[in-house]
Amino acid sequence: MIRVALDLPILPERNMSDPVPAEIKLRKASRVLEVSFADGSRFQLPFEYLRVHSPSAEVKGHGPGQEVLVLGKESVGVRAVEPVGQYAVKLVFDDGHDTGLYTWKYLYELGREREANWSKYLARKAAAGK
């Protein structure tokens, strides 16, 4: 397990409704990113889930309806978690993908909506015959 240091003071310009991260643990053996927030929420986000829901343009496209169905990421790993300023982390996946910035708000949403997001992904995958 690798812990990512978070040195994030509350800035005056920070939107107080945004989630405040407390800790991130990269669990390579179980292939999970564990993210804890100051409100007590804690989410375990599988690497595959994070990869297929990357906030990058490669996955999200450049506008509504341009999302790309990412397949074949069942065994993807995360090599590194790199802090980006005080608002996000960049995940470096072992398939070479490293362009998505996972904001704290997006990680919180991914955790909170994990079941629904995963169900939608599996339905899209099935509809594509995969």
N, C-alpha and C. Protein backbone atom coordinates (compact mmCIF):
# COMPACT_ATOMS: atom_id res chain seq x y z
N MET A 1 0.85 -1.19 0.00
CA MET A 1 0.00 0.00 0.00
C MET A 1 0.88 1.24 0.00
N ILE A 2 0.48 2.21 -0.77
CA ILE A 2 1.19 3.48 -0.84
C ILE A 2 0.23 4.58 -0.41
N ARG A 3 0.67 5.41 0.53
CA ARG A 3 -0.14 6.56 0.94
C ARG A 3 0.36 7.79 0.21
N VAL A 4 -0.57 8.57 -0.27
CA VAL A 4 -0.22 9.80 -0.97
C VAL A 4 -0.40 10.95 0.01
N ALA A 5 0.66 11.70 0.20
CA ALA A 5 0.61 12.82 1.15
C ALA A 5 -0.27 13.92 0.58
N LEU A 6 -1.17 14.42 1.41
CA LEU A 6 -2.05 15.52 1.02
C LEU A 6 -1.80 16.69 1.95
N ASP A 7 -1.22 17.73 1.43
CA ASP A 7 -0.96 18.94 2.20
C ASP A 7 -1.86 20.02 1.62
N LEU A 8 -3.10 20.03 2.08
CA LEU A 8 -4.11 20.87 1.45
C LEU A 8 -4.76 21.83 2.44
N PRO A 9 -4.23 23.00 2.59
CA PRO A 9 -4.88 23.97 3.47
C PRO A 9 -6.21 24.42 2.86
N ILE A 10 -7.12 24.81 3.70
CA ILE A 10 -8.39 25.35 3.21
C ILE A 10 -8.12 26.77 2.71
N LEU A 11 -8.25 26.95 1.43
CA LEU A 11 -7.99 28.25 0.83
C LEU A 11 -9.25 29.11 0.85
N PRO A 12 -9.10 30.42 0.95
CA PRO A 12 -10.27 31.30 0.97
C PRO A 12 -11.13 31.14 -0.28
N GLU A 13 -10.50 30.87 -1.44
CA GLU A 13 -11.28 30.76 -2.67
C GLU A 13 -11.92 29.39 -2.85
N ARG A 14 -11.63 28.45 -1.96
CA ARG A 14 -12.20 27.10 -2.06
C ARG A 14 -13.71 27.16 -1.81
N ASN A 15 -14.45 26.49 -2.66
CA ASN A 15 -15.89 26.39 -2.48
C ASN A 15 -16.13 25.45 -1.30
N MET A 16 -16.74 25.95 -0.27
CA MET A 16 -16.89 25.17 0.96
C MET A 16 -17.82 23.97 0.79
N SER A 17 -18.55 23.91 -0.32
CA SER A 17 -19.40 22.74 -0.55
C SER A 17 -18.61 21.62 -1.25
N ASP A 18 -17.41 21.93 -1.75
CA ASP A 18 -16.59 20.90 -2.38
C ASP A 18 -16.07 19.93 -1.32
N PRO A 19 -15.97 18.65 -1.68
CA PRO A 19 -15.44 17.68 -0.71
C PRO A 19 -13.96 17.96 -0.41
N VAL A 20 -13.59 17.76 0.83
CA VAL A 20 -12.22 17.98 1.27
C VAL A 20 -11.57 16.61 1.49
N PRO A 21 -10.52 16.30 0.73
CA PRO A 21 -9.87 14.99 0.87
C PRO A 21 -9.09 14.91 2.17
N ALA A 22 -9.03 13.72 2.75
CA ALA A 22 -8.27 13.50 3.97
C ALA A 22 -7.08 12.58 3.71
N GLU A 23 -7.30 11.54 2.90
CA GLU A 23 -6.24 10.57 2.67
C GLU A 23 -6.51 9.76 1.40
N ILE A 24 -5.44 9.40 0.73
CA ILE A 24 -5.53 8.52 -0.43
C ILE A 24 -4.55 7.38 -0.21
N LYS A 25 -5.03 6.16 -0.42
CA LYS A 25 -4.17 4.98 -0.33
C LYS A 25 -4.25 4.22 -1.64
N LEU A 26 -3.11 3.94 -2.22
CA LEU A 26 -3.03 3.15 -3.44
C LEU A 26 -2.74 1.72 -3.01
N ARG A 27 -3.72 0.86 -3.18
CA ARG A 27 -3.60 -0.54 -2.77
C ARG A 27 -3.39 -1.39 -4.03
N LYS A 28 -2.12 -1.55 -4.38
CA LYS A 28 -1.79 -2.24 -5.63
C LYS A 28 -2.19 -3.71 -5.61
N ALA A 29 -2.02 -4.38 -4.48
CA ALA A 29 -2.33 -5.82 -4.42
C ALA A 29 -3.82 -6.08 -4.64
N SER A 30 -4.67 -5.26 -4.03
CA SER A 30 -6.12 -5.44 -4.20
C SER A 30 -6.66 -4.61 -5.36
N ARG A 31 -5.79 -3.81 -6.00
CA ARG A 31 -6.14 -3.03 -7.19
C ARG A 31 -7.27 -2.05 -6.92
N VAL A 32 -7.09 -1.30 -5.82
CA VAL A 32 -8.11 -0.36 -5.37
C VAL A 32 -7.43 0.94 -4.94
N LEU A 33 -8.06 2.06 -5.26
CA LEU A 33 -7.66 3.35 -4.73
C LEU A 33 -8.66 3.68 -3.63
N GLU A 34 -8.17 3.83 -2.42
CA GLU A 34 -9.04 4.16 -1.29
C GLU A 34 -8.92 5.66 -1.01
N VAL A 35 -10.04 6.34 -1.07
CA VAL A 35 -10.06 7.79 -0.88
C VAL A 35 -10.96 8.12 0.30
N SER A 36 -10.40 8.85 1.27
CA SER A 36 -11.16 9.28 2.45
C SER A 36 -11.31 10.79 2.41
N PHE A 37 -12.46 11.25 2.90
CA PHE A 37 -12.76 12.67 2.91
C PHE A 37 -13.02 13.15 4.34
N ALA A 38 -12.88 14.45 4.53
CA ALA A 38 -13.03 15.05 5.86
C ALA A 38 -14.42 14.84 6.45
N ASP A 39 -15.44 14.64 5.61
CA ASP A 39 -16.80 14.43 6.12
C ASP A 39 -17.02 13.00 6.62
N GLY A 40 -15.96 12.17 6.57
CA GLY A 40 -16.06 10.79 7.03
C GLY A 40 -16.34 9.79 5.91
N SER A 41 -16.62 10.26 4.72
CA SER A 41 -16.86 9.36 3.59
C SER A 41 -15.55 8.68 3.22
N ARG A 42 -15.66 7.41 2.86
CA ARG A 42 -14.49 6.65 2.41
C ARG A 42 -14.94 5.75 1.28
N PHE A 43 -14.23 5.81 0.18
CA PHE A 43 -14.60 5.04 -1.00
C PHE A 43 -13.44 4.17 -1.45
N GLN A 44 -13.76 2.95 -1.85
CA GLN A 44 -12.78 2.06 -2.44
C GLN A 44 -13.12 1.95 -3.92
N LEU A 45 -12.25 2.49 -4.74
CA LEU A 45 -12.50 2.61 -6.17
C LEU A 45 -11.56 1.68 -6.93
N PRO A 46 -12.09 0.61 -7.53
CA PRO A 46 -11.26 -0.32 -8.29
C PRO A 46 -10.58 0.38 -9.47
N PHE A 47 -9.38 -0.07 -9.79
CA PHE A 47 -8.61 0.54 -10.87
C PHE A 47 -9.37 0.51 -12.19
N GLU A 48 -10.00 -0.61 -12.50
CA GLU A 48 -10.75 -0.72 -13.76
C GLU A 48 -11.85 0.35 -13.81
N TYR A 49 -12.58 0.51 -12.72
CA TYR A 49 -13.65 1.51 -12.63
C TYR A 49 -13.09 2.91 -12.89
N LEU A 50 -11.96 3.22 -12.25
CA LEU A 50 -11.35 4.54 -12.44
C LEU A 50 -10.89 4.74 -13.89
N ARG A 51 -10.35 3.69 -14.49
CA ARG A 51 -9.84 3.80 -15.87
C ARG A 51 -10.97 4.03 -16.87
N VAL A 52 -12.05 3.26 -16.74
CA VAL A 52 -13.14 3.40 -17.72
C VAL A 52 -13.98 4.65 -17.48
N HIS A 53 -13.82 5.28 -16.32
CA HIS A 53 -14.50 6.53 -16.02
C HIS A 53 -13.53 7.70 -15.93
N SER A 54 -12.41 7.58 -16.63
CA SER A 54 -11.42 8.65 -16.62
C SER A 54 -12.05 9.96 -17.09
N PRO A 55 -11.69 11.06 -16.43
CA PRO A 55 -12.22 12.36 -16.85
C PRO A 55 -11.51 12.94 -18.08
N SER A 56 -10.65 12.17 -18.70
CA SER A 56 -9.88 12.65 -19.86
C SER A 56 -10.77 12.82 -21.08
N ALA A 57 -10.31 13.64 -22.01
CA ALA A 57 -11.03 13.81 -23.27
C ALA A 57 -11.04 12.51 -24.06
N GLU A 58 -10.02 11.68 -23.88
CA GLU A 58 -9.96 10.38 -24.55
C GLU A 58 -11.17 9.51 -24.21
N VAL A 59 -11.68 9.65 -22.99
CA VAL A 59 -12.82 8.85 -22.54
C VAL A 59 -14.11 9.65 -22.57
N LYS A 60 -14.08 10.88 -22.08
CA LYS A 60 -15.28 11.71 -21.99
C LYS A 60 -15.63 12.40 -23.31
N GLY A 61 -14.66 12.51 -24.21
CA GLY A 61 -14.90 13.26 -25.43
C GLY A 61 -14.80 14.74 -25.15
N HIS A 62 -15.24 15.53 -26.11
CA HIS A 62 -15.16 16.98 -25.96
C HIS A 62 -16.54 17.61 -25.78
N GLY A 63 -17.54 16.79 -25.52
CA GLY A 63 -18.88 17.31 -25.31
C GLY A 63 -19.85 16.17 -25.09
N PRO A 64 -21.08 16.51 -24.71
CA PRO A 64 -22.10 15.49 -24.47
C PRO A 64 -22.30 14.60 -25.69
N GLY A 65 -22.43 13.31 -25.42
CA GLY A 65 -22.67 12.35 -26.49
C GLY A 65 -21.40 11.86 -27.17
N GLN A 66 -20.24 12.33 -26.73
CA GLN A 66 -18.98 11.93 -27.34
C GLN A 66 -18.20 10.94 -26.48
N GLU A 67 -18.84 10.43 -25.44
CA GLU A 67 -18.17 9.51 -24.54
C GLU A 67 -17.74 8.25 -25.29
N VAL A 68 -16.60 7.70 -24.91
CA VAL A 68 -16.05 6.51 -25.54
C VAL A 68 -16.19 5.34 -24.57
N LEU A 69 -16.66 4.21 -25.08
CA LEU A 69 -16.77 3.00 -24.27
C LEU A 69 -15.38 2.35 -24.23
N VAL A 70 -14.77 2.36 -23.06
CA VAL A 70 -13.42 1.80 -22.89
C VAL A 70 -13.57 0.35 -22.47
N LEU A 71 -12.92 -0.54 -23.21
CA LEU A 71 -13.02 -1.98 -22.95
C LEU A 71 -11.64 -2.58 -22.68
N GLY A 72 -11.65 -3.78 -22.10
CA GLY A 72 -10.41 -4.52 -21.91
C GLY A 72 -9.51 -4.01 -20.81
N LYS A 73 -10.07 -3.38 -19.80
CA LYS A 73 -9.26 -2.80 -18.72
C LYS A 73 -9.41 -3.57 -17.41
N GLU A 74 -9.85 -4.82 -17.49
CA GLU A 74 -10.06 -5.63 -16.30
C GLU A 74 -8.79 -5.80 -15.47
N SER A 75 -7.63 -5.82 -16.12
CA SER A 75 -6.36 -6.05 -15.42
C SER A 75 -5.49 -4.80 -15.31
N VAL A 76 -6.05 -3.65 -15.61
CA VAL A 76 -5.26 -2.42 -15.58
C VAL A 76 -4.77 -2.15 -14.15
N GLY A 77 -3.57 -1.61 -14.07
CA GLY A 77 -3.02 -1.23 -12.78
C GLY A 77 -2.78 0.26 -12.72
N VAL A 78 -2.52 0.76 -11.54
CA VAL A 78 -2.15 2.16 -11.35
C VAL A 78 -0.71 2.17 -10.85
N ARG A 79 0.16 2.82 -11.62
CA ARG A 79 1.57 2.90 -11.25
C ARG A 79 1.85 4.01 -10.25
N ALA A 80 1.10 5.11 -10.36
CA ALA A 80 1.38 6.26 -9.50
C ALA A 80 0.15 7.13 -9.34
N VAL A 81 0.12 7.85 -8.23
CA VAL A 81 -0.88 8.88 -7.95
C VAL A 81 -0.09 10.15 -7.72
N GLU A 82 -0.29 11.13 -8.59
CA GLU A 82 0.48 12.37 -8.52
C GLU A 82 -0.43 13.54 -8.17
N PRO A 83 -0.20 14.21 -7.04
CA PRO A 83 -1.00 15.39 -6.71
C PRO A 83 -0.85 16.47 -7.77
N VAL A 84 -1.95 17.14 -8.08
CA VAL A 84 -1.96 18.25 -9.03
C VAL A 84 -2.53 19.46 -8.28
N GLY A 85 -1.66 20.37 -7.94
CA GLY A 85 -2.09 21.53 -7.16
C GLY A 85 -2.79 21.07 -5.89
N GLN A 86 -3.85 21.77 -5.55
CA GLN A 86 -4.61 21.43 -4.35
C GLN A 86 -6.02 21.00 -4.70
N TYR A 87 -6.22 20.59 -5.95
CA TYR A 87 -7.59 20.29 -6.37
C TYR A 87 -7.77 18.93 -7.01
N ALA A 88 -6.67 18.21 -7.30
CA ALA A 88 -6.82 16.97 -8.06
C ALA A 88 -5.61 16.06 -7.90
N VAL A 89 -5.75 14.85 -8.46
CA VAL A 89 -4.63 13.93 -8.61
C VAL A 89 -4.65 13.42 -10.04
N LYS A 90 -3.46 13.08 -10.53
CA LYS A 90 -3.33 12.43 -11.83
C LYS A 90 -2.98 10.98 -11.55
N LEU A 91 -3.75 10.07 -12.13
CA LEU A 91 -3.47 8.66 -11.99
C LEU A 91 -2.68 8.21 -13.21
N VAL A 92 -1.59 7.52 -12.97
CA VAL A 92 -0.77 6.99 -14.05
C VAL A 92 -1.05 5.48 -14.12
N PHE A 93 -1.77 5.09 -15.17
CA PHE A 93 -2.15 3.69 -15.35
C PHE A 93 -1.05 2.94 -16.09
N ASP A 94 -0.98 1.63 -15.87
CA ASP A 94 0.08 0.85 -16.51
C ASP A 94 -0.19 0.55 -17.98
N ASP A 95 -1.34 1.00 -18.50
CA ASP A 95 -1.59 0.86 -19.94
C ASP A 95 -1.16 2.13 -20.69
N GLY A 96 -0.49 3.04 -19.99
CA GLY A 96 0.01 4.27 -20.60
C GLY A 96 -0.92 5.46 -20.46
N HIS A 97 -2.14 5.26 -20.00
CA HIS A 97 -3.09 6.36 -19.85
C HIS A 97 -2.72 7.19 -18.62
N ASP A 98 -2.59 8.50 -18.82
CA ASP A 98 -2.26 9.37 -17.68
C ASP A 98 -2.74 10.80 -17.90
N THR A 99 -3.76 10.98 -18.73
CA THR A 99 -4.18 12.35 -19.07
C THR A 99 -5.38 12.86 -18.30
N GLY A 100 -6.03 12.05 -17.53
CA GLY A 100 -7.20 12.53 -16.79
C GLY A 100 -6.82 13.09 -15.43
N LEU A 101 -7.37 14.25 -15.09
CA LEU A 101 -7.16 14.82 -13.76
C LEU A 101 -8.42 14.53 -12.93
N TYR A 102 -8.24 13.78 -11.89
CA TYR A 102 -9.34 13.39 -11.01
C TYR A 102 -9.44 14.42 -9.89
N THR A 103 -10.36 15.36 -10.03
CA THR A 103 -10.54 16.37 -8.99
C THR A 103 -11.12 15.68 -7.76
N TRP A 104 -10.99 16.35 -6.62
CA TRP A 104 -11.57 15.78 -5.39
C TRP A 104 -13.06 15.62 -5.56
N LYS A 105 -13.70 16.59 -6.17
CA LYS A 105 -15.15 16.52 -6.40
C LYS A 105 -15.50 15.32 -7.27
N TYR A 106 -14.73 15.08 -8.33
CA TYR A 106 -15.01 13.96 -9.23
C TYR A 106 -14.78 12.63 -8.52
N LEU A 107 -13.71 12.51 -7.73
CA LEU A 107 -13.47 11.27 -6.98
C LEU A 107 -14.61 11.01 -5.99
N TYR A 108 -15.09 12.07 -5.37
CA TYR A 108 -16.21 11.93 -4.43
C TYR A 108 -17.46 11.43 -5.18
N GLU A 109 -17.73 12.03 -6.34
CA GLU A 109 -18.89 11.62 -7.15
C GLU A 109 -18.73 10.17 -7.61
N LEU A 110 -17.52 9.80 -8.05
CA LEU A 110 -17.29 8.42 -8.46
C LEU A 110 -17.55 7.45 -7.32
N GLY A 111 -17.16 7.82 -6.13
CA GLY A 111 -17.41 6.97 -4.97
C GLY A 111 -18.88 6.89 -4.62
N ARG A 112 -19.51 8.04 -4.55
CA ARG A 112 -20.92 8.10 -4.16
C ARG A 112 -21.82 7.41 -5.19
N GLU A 113 -21.47 7.50 -6.46
CA GLU A 113 -22.32 6.97 -7.53
C GLU A 113 -21.76 5.70 -8.16
N ARG A 114 -20.87 5.04 -7.44
CA ARG A 114 -20.17 3.89 -8.01
C ARG A 114 -21.11 2.80 -8.52
N GLU A 115 -22.06 2.40 -7.73
CA GLU A 115 -22.96 1.31 -8.13
C GLU A 115 -23.74 1.66 -9.40
N ALA A 116 -24.31 2.85 -9.44
CA ALA A 116 -25.08 3.27 -10.61
C ALA A 116 -24.18 3.42 -11.84
N ASN A 117 -23.01 4.03 -11.66
CA ASN A 117 -22.08 4.20 -12.78
C ASN A 117 -21.65 2.85 -13.33
N TRP A 118 -21.35 1.91 -12.44
CA TRP A 118 -20.88 0.61 -12.88
C TRP A 118 -21.99 -0.15 -13.61
N SER A 119 -23.21 -0.05 -13.13
CA SER A 119 -24.34 -0.70 -13.80
C SER A 119 -24.52 -0.15 -15.21
N LYS A 120 -24.43 1.18 -15.35
CA LYS A 120 -24.54 1.80 -16.68
C LYS A 120 -23.42 1.33 -17.59
N TYR A 121 -22.22 1.24 -17.06
CA TYR A 121 -21.08 0.80 -17.86
C TYR A 121 -21.29 -0.63 -18.34
N LEU A 122 -21.73 -1.51 -17.44
CA LEU A 122 -21.96 -2.91 -17.82
C LEU A 122 -23.07 -3.02 -18.87
N ALA A 123 -24.11 -2.18 -18.75
CA ALA A 123 -25.18 -2.20 -19.73
C ALA A 123 -24.67 -1.72 -21.10
N ARG A 124 -23.84 -0.68 -21.13
CA ARG A 124 -23.26 -0.20 -22.39
C ARG A 124 -22.36 -1.27 -23.00
N LYS A 125 -21.62 -1.94 -22.15
CA LYS A 125 -20.73 -3.02 -22.62
C LYS A 125 -21.55 -4.16 -23.24
N ALA A 126 -22.63 -4.54 -22.57
CA ALA A 126 -23.50 -5.61 -23.08
C ALA A 126 -24.15 -5.20 -24.41
N ALA A 127 -24.60 -3.95 -24.48
CA ALA A 127 -25.23 -3.47 -25.71
C ALA A 127 -24.24 -3.47 -26.88
N ALA A 128 -22.96 -3.33 -26.56
CA ALA A 128 -21.93 -3.35 -27.60
C ALA A 128 -21.50 -4.77 -27.94
N GLY A 129 -22.10 -5.75 -27.24
CA GLY A 129 -21.78 -7.15 -27.50
C GLY A 129 -20.45 -7.57 -26.91
N LYS A 130 -20.02 -6.91 -25.89
CA LYS A 130 -18.72 -7.22 -25.26
C LYS A 130 -18.87 -7.85 -23.91
